[in-house]
Amino acid sequence: MGAPSWREAADTPSARWVLDDKHRNAQGGVMGGAIFTLADFCLAVACNIDEQPTVSVSNTIEFLSGAKGSKLIATCDADKSGRKLGFYTVDVADDTGRKVARMTATCFR
């Protein structure tokens, strides 16, 4: 499916993915699995920056609307980064600014 690109700036880690036909379903929409994969990649990198090795133990994703642009952009915020547990929110939008999905995750160190 191609590798997402990673960027860290202004304390908000983000990942981007250029969309093409392999990310789309039979109706032409971006597949939920592709959206989740980008969100999970962004989470994995963000929750391991300057931390002990961290894995997610619970994820929930809500799909807000269909992507209309040519790229997806995921950003991750640490809601609480504790000694053993971390709580994160990943927002996914397309390059038109349309909000596509929101994932919340609990991670263990």
Protein backbone atom coordinates (compact mmCIF):
# COMPACT_ATOMS: atom_id res chain seq x y z
CA MET A 1 0.00 0.00 0.00
CA GLY A 2 3.03 2.29 0.03
CA ALA A 3 4.66 3.82 3.07
CA PRO A 4 3.32 6.93 4.76
CA SER A 5 5.70 9.82 5.26
CA TRP A 6 6.42 11.13 8.74
CA ARG A 7 6.88 14.68 10.03
CA GLU A 8 7.30 16.09 13.50
CA ALA A 9 6.81 19.82 13.95
CA ALA A 10 5.53 22.13 16.66
CA ASP A 11 4.88 19.28 19.13
CA THR A 12 2.24 17.76 16.83
CA PRO A 13 3.53 14.64 15.09
CA SER A 14 1.88 13.99 11.73
CA ALA A 15 1.93 11.39 8.98
CA ARG A 16 0.85 11.81 5.36
CA TRP A 17 -0.21 9.33 2.74
CA VAL A 18 -0.66 10.03 -0.96
CA LEU A 19 -3.79 8.18 -2.08
CA ASP A 20 -4.09 6.12 -5.23
CA ASP A 21 -6.36 3.39 -6.59
CA LYS A 22 -5.03 0.68 -4.27
CA HIS A 23 -6.41 2.64 -1.27
CA ARG A 24 -9.93 2.73 -2.71
CA ASN A 25 -12.83 0.32 -2.51
CA ALA A 26 -15.14 -0.77 -5.34
CA GLN A 27 -17.25 2.39 -4.92
CA GLY A 28 -14.17 4.63 -5.20
CA GLY A 29 -14.03 5.63 -1.53
CA VAL A 30 -10.89 5.34 0.59
CA MET A 31 -11.00 2.05 2.49
CA GLY A 32 -11.44 2.22 6.26
CA GLY A 33 -8.46 -0.10 6.69
CA ALA A 34 -6.20 2.39 4.89
CA ILE A 35 -7.44 5.23 7.11
CA PHE A 36 -6.91 3.13 10.25
CA THR A 37 -3.43 2.07 9.09
CA LEU A 38 -2.33 5.70 8.72
CA ALA A 39 -3.80 6.62 12.12
CA ASP A 40 -2.10 3.61 13.75
CA PHE A 41 1.26 4.46 12.12
CA CYS A 42 1.04 8.05 13.37
CA LEU A 43 0.15 6.80 16.87
CA ALA A 44 3.00 4.27 16.91
CA VAL A 45 5.63 6.86 16.11
CA ALA A 46 4.15 9.59 18.32
CA CYS A 47 3.78 7.46 21.45
CA ASN A 48 7.36 6.21 21.19
CA ILE A 49 9.09 9.60 20.85
CA ASP A 50 11.24 10.12 23.96
CA GLU A 51 9.42 7.27 25.73
CA GLN A 52 10.08 3.67 26.71
CA PRO A 53 8.96 1.17 24.04
CA THR A 54 5.19 1.56 23.85
CA VAL A 55 2.42 -0.54 22.29
CA SER A 56 -1.26 0.18 21.88
CA VAL A 57 -3.64 -2.00 23.88
CA SER A 58 -6.94 -0.46 22.79
CA ASN A 59 -8.03 1.58 19.75
CA THR A 60 -11.38 3.02 18.71
CA ILE A 61 -11.93 4.77 15.40
CA GLU A 62 -14.89 6.80 14.21
CA PHE A 63 -15.20 7.52 10.49
CA LEU A 64 -16.56 11.06 10.15
CA SER A 65 -16.82 11.49 6.37
CA GLY A 66 -15.41 10.23 3.10
CA ALA A 67 -12.05 11.56 1.94
CA LYS A 68 -12.29 13.86 -1.08
CA GLY A 69 -8.66 14.94 -1.51
CA SER A 70 -5.58 13.23 -2.91
CA LYS A 71 -3.77 12.83 0.45
CA LEU A 72 -4.58 11.85 4.02
CA ILE A 73 -2.93 13.65 6.92
CA ALA A 74 -2.95 12.21 10.45
CA THR A 75 -1.98 14.20 13.53
CA CYS A 76 -1.52 12.78 17.02
CA ASP A 77 -2.01 14.49 20.38
CA ALA A 78 -1.01 13.00 23.72
CA ASP A 79 -4.02 13.51 25.97
CA LYS A 80 -2.05 12.09 28.92
CA SER A 81 1.36 10.49 28.79
CA GLY A 82 1.92 8.64 32.04
CA ARG A 83 4.64 6.36 33.34
CA LYS A 84 2.90 3.12 32.31
CA LEU A 85 -0.14 4.25 30.30
CA GLY A 86 -0.60 6.84 27.59
CA PHE A 87 -3.84 8.17 26.15
CA TYR A 88 -3.80 9.58 22.61
CA THR A 89 -6.11 11.07 19.99
CA VAL A 90 -5.30 10.82 16.29
CA ASP A 91 -7.22 13.00 13.83
CA VAL A 92 -7.22 12.15 10.13
CA ALA A 93 -8.15 14.71 7.48
CA ASP A 94 -7.70 14.94 3.74
CA ASP A 95 -5.72 17.65 1.99
CA THR A 96 -8.88 19.71 1.45
CA GLY A 97 -9.22 20.05 5.24
CA ARG A 98 -12.15 17.65 5.46
CA LYS A 99 -12.17 15.69 8.74
CA VAL A 100 -12.21 12.01 7.82
CA ALA A 101 -11.71 10.06 11.09
CA ARG A 102 -10.76 10.26 14.75
CA MET A 103 -9.01 7.45 16.62
CA THR A 104 -8.52 7.26 20.37
CA ALA A 105 -5.99 4.88 21.84
CA THR A 106 -4.66 3.61 25.13
CA CYS A 107 -1.00 2.59 25.09
CA PHE A 108 1.18 0.62 27.51
CA ARG A 109 4.87 1.20 28.23
